[in-house]
PDB file of all heavy atoms in Angstrom:
ATOM      1  N   LEU A   1     108.935  95.768 109.228  1.00  0.00           N
ATOM      2  CA  LEU A   1     107.598  95.934 109.805  1.00  0.00           C
ATOM      3  C   LEU A   1     106.768  96.796 108.878  1.00  0.00           C
ATOM      4  O   LEU A   1     107.151  97.929 108.567  1.00  0.00           O
ATOM      5  CB  LEU A   1     107.685  96.574 111.193  1.00  0.00           C
ATOM      6  CG  LEU A   1     106.367  97.066 111.809  1.00  0.00           C
ATOM      7  CD1 LEU A   1     105.403  95.905 112.031  1.00  0.00           C
ATOM      8  CD2 LEU A   1     106.631  97.810 113.121  1.00  0.00           C
ATOM      9  N   ILE A   2     105.641  96.261 108.427  1.00  0.00           N
ATOM     10  CA  ILE A   2     104.657  97.021 107.657  1.00  0.00           C
ATOM     11  C   ILE A   2     103.512  97.345 108.608  1.00  0.00           C
ATOM     12  O   ILE A   2     102.975  96.452 109.269  1.00  0.00           O
ATOM     13  CB  ILE A   2     104.146  96.206 106.457  1.00  0.00           C
ATOM     14  CG1 ILE A   2     105.289  95.896 105.493  1.00  0.00           C
ATOM     15  CG2 ILE A   2     103.022  96.953 105.732  1.00  0.00           C
ATOM     16  CD1 ILE A   2     104.918  94.924 104.381  1.00  0.00           C
ATOM     17  N   ILE A   3     103.134  98.610 108.700  1.00  0.00           N
ATOM     18  CA  ILE A   3     102.112  99.022 109.667  1.00  0.00           C
ATOM     19  C   ILE A   3     101.017  99.834 108.987  1.00  0.00           C
ATOM     20  O   ILE A   3     101.286 100.711 108.166  1.00  0.00           O
ATOM     21  CB  ILE A   3     102.729  99.821 110.843  1.00  0.00           C
ATOM     22  CG1 ILE A   3     101.627 100.297 111.799  1.00  0.00           C
ATOM     23  CG2 ILE A   3     103.592 100.973 110.359  1.00  0.00           C
ATOM     24  CD1 ILE A   3     102.136 100.867 113.098  1.00  0.00           C
ATOM     25  N   ARG A   4      99.778  99.525 109.364  1.00  0.00           N
ATOM     26  CA  ARG A   4      98.593 100.243 108.892  1.00  0.00           C
ATOM     27  C   ARG A   4      97.780 100.591 110.129  1.00  0.00           C
ATOM     28  O   ARG A   4      97.251  99.705 110.809  1.00  0.00           O
ATOM     29  CB  ARG A   4      97.789  99.344 107.944  1.00  0.00           C
ATOM     30  CG  ARG A   4      96.477  99.928 107.426  1.00  0.00           C
ATOM     31  CD  ARG A   4      95.778  98.878 106.560  1.00  0.00           C
ATOM     32  NE  ARG A   4      94.459  99.296 106.139  1.00  0.00           N
ATOM     33  CZ  ARG A   4      94.189  99.925 105.002  1.00  0.00           C
ATOM     34  NH1 ARG A   4      95.181 100.212 104.168  1.00  0.00           N
ATOM     35  NH2 ARG A   4      92.961 100.257 104.670  1.00  0.00           N
ATOM     36  N   THR A   5      97.725 101.878 110.458  1.00  0.00           N
ATOM     37  CA  THR A   5      97.109 102.272 111.722  1.00  0.00           C
ATOM     38  C   THR A   5      96.513 103.669 111.612  1.00  0.00           C
ATOM     39  O   THR A   5      96.452 104.251 110.532  1.00  0.00           O
ATOM     40  CB  THR A   5      98.156 102.178 112.856  1.00  0.00           C
ATOM     41  OG1 THR A   5      97.502 102.299 114.110  1.00  0.00           O
ATOM     42  CG2 THR A   5      99.241 103.237 112.721  1.00  0.00           C
ATOM     43  N   PHE A   6      96.116 104.221 112.739  1.00  0.00           N
ATOM     44  CA  PHE A   6      95.449 105.523 112.753  1.00  0.00           C
ATOM     45  C   PHE A   6      96.455 106.674 112.872  1.00  0.00           C
ATOM     46  O   PHE A   6      96.516 107.545 112.017  1.00  0.00           O
ATOM     47  CB  PHE A   6      94.436 105.575 113.910  1.00  0.00           C
ATOM     48  CG  PHE A   6      93.251 104.667 113.729  1.00  0.00           C
ATOM     49  CD1 PHE A   6      93.294 103.362 114.195  1.00  0.00           C
ATOM     50  CD2 PHE A   6      92.105 105.106 113.085  1.00  0.00           C
ATOM     51  CE1 PHE A   6      92.209 102.510 114.021  1.00  0.00           C
ATOM     52  CE2 PHE A   6      91.012 104.267 112.903  1.00  0.00           C
ATOM     53  CZ  PHE A   6      91.065 102.961 113.372  1.00  0.00           C
ATOM     54  N   ALA A   7      97.248 106.670 113.930  1.00  0.00           N
ATOM     55  CA  ALA A   7      98.071 107.836 114.255  1.00  0.00           C
ATOM     56  C   ALA A   7      99.416 107.797 113.543  1.00  0.00           C
ATOM     57  O   ALA A   7     100.166 106.824 113.665  1.00  0.00           O
ATOM     58  CB  ALA A   7      98.293 107.914 115.759  1.00  0.00           C
ATOM     59  N   GLN A   8      99.732 108.878 112.839  1.00  0.00           N
ATOM     60  CA  GLN A   8     101.042 109.001 112.198  1.00  0.00           C
ATOM     61  C   GLN A   8     102.155 108.993 113.240  1.00  0.00           C
ATOM     62  O   GLN A   8     103.251 108.457 113.003  1.00  0.00           O
ATOM     63  CB  GLN A   8     101.101 110.299 111.382  1.00  0.00           C
ATOM     64  CG  GLN A   8     102.422 110.555 110.686  1.00  0.00           C
ATOM     65  CD  GLN A   8     102.729 109.542 109.595  1.00  0.00           C
ATOM     66  OE1 GLN A   8     101.856 109.157 108.835  1.00  0.00           O
ATOM     67  NE2 GLN A   8     103.980 109.120 109.506  1.00  0.00           N
ATOM     68  N   ALA A   9     101.890 109.554 114.403  1.00  0.00           N
ATOM     69  CA  ALA A   9     102.909 109.600 115.456  1.00  0.00           C
ATOM     70  C   ALA A   9     103.344 108.204 115.871  1.00  0.00           C
ATOM     71  O   ALA A   9     104.508 107.985 116.226  1.00  0.00           O
ATOM     72  CB  ALA A   9     102.368 110.371 116.660  1.00  0.00           C
ATOM     73  N   GLU A  10     102.433 107.246 115.848  1.00  0.00           N
ATOM     74  CA  GLU A  10     102.777 105.871 116.204  1.00  0.00           C
ATOM     75  C   GLU A  10     103.766 105.288 115.192  1.00  0.00           C
ATOM     76  O   GLU A  10     104.729 104.611 115.560  1.00  0.00           O
ATOM     77  CB  GLU A  10     101.513 105.016 116.265  1.00  0.00           C
ATOM     78  CG  GLU A  10     101.758 103.595 116.733  1.00  0.00           C
ATOM     79  CD  GLU A  10     100.474 102.810 116.913  1.00  0.00           C
ATOM     80  OE1 GLU A  10      99.391 103.431 116.923  1.00  0.00           O
ATOM     81  OE2 GLU A  10     100.542 101.571 117.038  1.00  0.00           O
ATOM     82  N   VAL A  11     103.533 105.558 113.918  1.00  0.00           N
ATOM     83  CA  VAL A  11     104.445 105.086 112.870  1.00  0.00           C
ATOM     84  C   VAL A  11     105.810 105.747 113.018  1.00  0.00           C
ATOM     85  O   VAL A  11     106.854 105.090 112.928  1.00  0.00           O
ATOM     86  CB  VAL A  11     103.846 105.367 111.475  1.00  0.00           C
ATOM     87  CG1 VAL A  11     104.836 105.024 110.374  1.00  0.00           C
ATOM     88  CG2 VAL A  11     102.558 104.583 111.277  1.00  0.00           C
ATOM     89  N   ASP A  12     105.815 107.055 113.243  1.00  0.00           N
ATOM     90  CA  ASP A  12     107.078 107.778 113.401  1.00  0.00           C
ATOM     91  C   ASP A  12     107.873 107.236 114.583  1.00  0.00           C
ATOM     92  O   ASP A  12     109.101 107.083 114.504  1.00  0.00           O
ATOM     93  CB  ASP A  12     106.804 109.273 113.603  1.00  0.00           C
ATOM     94  CG  ASP A  12     106.208 109.942 112.376  1.00  0.00           C
ATOM     95  OD1 ASP A  12     106.368 109.403 111.257  1.00  0.00           O
ATOM     96  OD2 ASP A  12     105.591 111.007 112.522  1.00  0.00           O
ATOM     97  N   GLN A  13     107.183 106.950 115.681  1.00  0.00           N
ATOM     98  CA  GLN A  13     107.867 106.453 116.869  1.00  0.00           C
ATOM     99  C   GLN A  13     108.409 105.041 116.643  1.00  0.00           C
ATOM    100  O   GLN A  13     109.524 104.718 117.079  1.00  0.00           O
ATOM    101  CB  GLN A  13     106.931 106.470 118.079  1.00  0.00           C
ATOM    102  CG  GLN A  13     107.652 106.193 119.400  1.00  0.00           C
ATOM    103  CD  GLN A  13     106.739 106.339 120.606  1.00  0.00           C
ATOM    104  OE1 GLN A  13     105.601 106.814 120.505  1.00  0.00           O
ATOM    105  NE2 GLN A  13     107.222 105.932 121.762  1.00  0.00           N
ATOM    106  N   LEU A  14     107.645 104.194 115.973  1.00  0.00           N
ATOM    107  CA  LEU A  14     108.128 102.855 115.651  1.00  0.00           C
ATOM    108  C   LEU A  14     109.376 102.925 114.776  1.00  0.00           C
ATOM    109  O   LEU A  14     110.341 102.187 114.984  1.00  0.00           O
ATOM    110  CB  LEU A  14     107.033 102.046 114.951  1.00  0.00           C
ATOM    111  CG  LEU A  14     105.969 101.440 115.858  1.00  0.00           C
ATOM    112  CD1 LEU A  14     104.784 100.964 115.034  1.00  0.00           C
ATOM    113  CD2 LEU A  14     106.537 100.292 116.683  1.00  0.00           C
ATOM    114  N   GLY A  15     109.366 103.844 113.804  1.00  0.00           N
ATOM    115  CA  GLY A  15     110.535 104.013 112.947  1.00  0.00           C
ATOM    116  C   GLY A  15     111.755 104.459 113.725  1.00  0.00           C
ATOM    117  O   GLY A  15     112.878 104.002 113.469  1.00  0.00           O
ATOM    118  N   ALA A  16     111.541 105.330 114.708  1.00  0.00           N
ATOM    119  CA  ALA A  16     112.661 105.833 115.507  1.00  0.00           C
ATOM    120  C   ALA A  16     113.231 104.766 116.440  1.00  0.00           C
ATOM    121  O   ALA A  16     114.434 104.755 116.716  1.00  0.00           O
ATOM    122  CB  ALA A  16     112.203 107.048 116.317  1.00  0.00           C
ATOM    123  N   GLN A  17     112.386 103.862 116.919  1.00  0.00           N
ATOM    124  CA  GLN A  17     112.807 102.893 117.927  1.00  0.00           C
ATOM    125  C   GLN A  17     113.198 101.540 117.344  1.00  0.00           C
ATOM    126  O   GLN A  17     113.965 100.802 117.960  1.00  0.00           O
ATOM    127  CB  GLN A  17     111.687 102.691 118.952  1.00  0.00           C
ATOM    128  CG  GLN A  17     111.333 103.937 119.745  1.00  0.00           C
ATOM    129  CD  GLN A  17     112.474 104.413 120.622  1.00  0.00           C
ATOM    130  OE1 GLN A  17     113.246 103.627 121.146  1.00  0.00           O
ATOM    131  NE2 GLN A  17     112.600 105.726 120.767  1.00  0.00           N
ATOM    132  N   ALA A  18     112.686 101.190 116.178  1.00  0.00           N
ATOM    133  CA  ALA A  18     112.994  99.889 115.585  1.00  0.00           C
ATOM    134  C   ALA A  18     114.337  99.935 114.865  1.00  0.00           C
ATOM    135  O   ALA A  18     114.698 100.950 114.261  1.00  0.00           O
ATOM    136  CB  ALA A  18     111.896  99.487 114.606  1.00  0.00           C
ATOM    137  N   SER A  19     115.062  98.837 114.913  1.00  0.00           N
ATOM    138  CA  SER A  19     116.318  98.741 114.165  1.00  0.00           C
ATOM    139  C   SER A  19     116.109  98.193 112.765  1.00  0.00           C
ATOM    140  O   SER A  19     117.034  98.175 111.957  1.00  0.00           O
ATOM    141  CB  SER A  19     117.309  97.854 114.931  1.00  0.00           C
ATOM    142  OG  SER A  19     116.783  96.548 115.104  1.00  0.00           O
ATOM    143  N   ILE A  20     114.885  97.760 112.458  1.00  0.00           N
ATOM    144  CA  ILE A  20     114.530  97.238 111.140  1.00  0.00           C
ATOM    145  C   ILE A  20     113.729  98.293 110.378  1.00  0.00           C
ATOM    146  O   ILE A  20     113.212  99.238 110.971  1.00  0.00           O
ATOM    147  CB  ILE A  20     113.702  95.946 111.275  1.00  0.00           C
ATOM    148  CG1 ILE A  20     112.428  96.213 112.102  1.00  0.00           C
ATOM    149  CG2 ILE A  20     114.539  94.825 111.867  1.00  0.00           C
ATOM    150  CD1 ILE A  20     111.461  95.046 112.167  1.00  0.00           C
ATOM    151  N   PRO A  21     113.622  98.169 109.051  1.00  0.00           N
ATOM    152  CA  PRO A  21     112.807  99.111 108.286  1.00  0.00           C
ATOM    153  C   PRO A  21     111.342  99.067 108.704  1.00  0.00           C
ATOM    154  O   PRO A  21     110.774  97.987 108.912  1.00  0.00           O
ATOM    155  CB  PRO A  21     112.974  98.632 106.840  1.00  0.00           C
ATOM    156  CG  PRO A  21     114.236  97.849 106.831  1.00  0.00           C
ATOM    157  CD  PRO A  21     114.336  97.218 108.178  1.00  0.00           C
ATOM    158  N   VAL A  22     110.734 100.238 108.826  1.00  0.00           N
ATOM    159  CA  VAL A  22     109.309 100.376 109.113  1.00  0.00           C
ATOM    160  C   VAL A  22     108.654 101.036 107.901  1.00  0.00           C
ATOM    161  O   VAL A  22     109.124 102.082 107.434  1.00  0.00           O
ATOM    162  CB  VAL A  22     109.067 101.211 110.382  1.00  0.00           C
ATOM    163  CG1 VAL A  22     107.572 101.450 110.600  1.00  0.00           C
ATOM    164  CG2 VAL A  22     109.680 100.524 111.596  1.00  0.00           C
ATOM    165  N   ILE A  23     107.587 100.430 107.401  1.00  0.00           N
ATOM    166  CA  ILE A  23     106.923 100.897 106.185  1.00  0.00           C
ATOM    167  C   ILE A  23     105.500 101.296 106.527  1.00  0.00           C
ATOM    168  O   ILE A  23     104.713 100.496 107.044  1.00  0.00           O
ATOM    169  CB  ILE A  23     106.929  99.786 105.106  1.00  0.00           C
ATOM    170  CG1 ILE A  23     108.367  99.415 104.739  1.00  0.00           C
ATOM    171  CG2 ILE A  23     106.154 100.231 103.877  1.00  0.00           C
ATOM    172  CD1 ILE A  23     108.498  98.104 104.007  1.00  0.00           C
ATOM    173  N   ASN A  24     105.161 102.539 106.240  1.00  0.00           N
ATOM    174  CA  ASN A  24     103.828 103.078 106.496  1.00  0.00           C
ATOM    175  C   ASN A  24     102.878 102.627 105.386  1.00  0.00           C
ATOM    176  O   ASN A  24     102.973 103.084 104.255  1.00  0.00           O
ATOM    177  CB  ASN A  24     103.904 104.612 106.563  1.00  0.00           C
ATOM    178  CG  ASN A  24     102.539 105.244 106.773  1.00  0.00           C
ATOM    179  OD1 ASN A  24     101.512 104.592 106.800  1.00  0.00           O
ATOM    180  ND2 ASN A  24     102.536 106.564 106.904  1.00  0.00           N
ATOM    181  N   ALA A  25     101.946 101.745 105.750  1.00  0.00           N
ATOM    182  CA  ALA A  25     100.957 101.266 104.785  1.00  0.00           C
ATOM    183  C   ALA A  25      99.609 101.941 104.972  1.00  0.00           C
ATOM    184  O   ALA A  25      98.611 101.458 104.456  1.00  0.00           O
ATOM    185  CB  ALA A  25     100.813  99.756 104.891  1.00  0.00           C
ATOM    186  N   LEU A  26      99.564 103.042 105.678  1.00  0.00           N
ATOM    187  CA  LEU A  26      98.418 103.946 105.823  1.00  0.00           C
ATOM    188  C   LEU A  26      98.338 104.446 107.251  1.00  0.00           C
ATOM    189  O   LEU A  26      98.476 103.673 108.206  1.00  0.00           O
ATOM    190  CB  LEU A  26      97.077 103.278 105.469  1.00  0.00           C
ATOM    191  CG  LEU A  26      95.813 104.141 105.654  1.00  0.00           C
ATOM    192  CD1 LEU A  26      94.815 103.920 104.513  1.00  0.00           C
ATOM    193  CD2 LEU A  26      95.143 103.833 106.995  1.00  0.00           C
TER     194      LEU A  26
END
């Protein structure tokens, strides 16, 4: 999952809950 969004907390939470790699694209 590549994600580009506003809140860093949303990215952190997706990384914690997803079993696949999560990549912060901003």
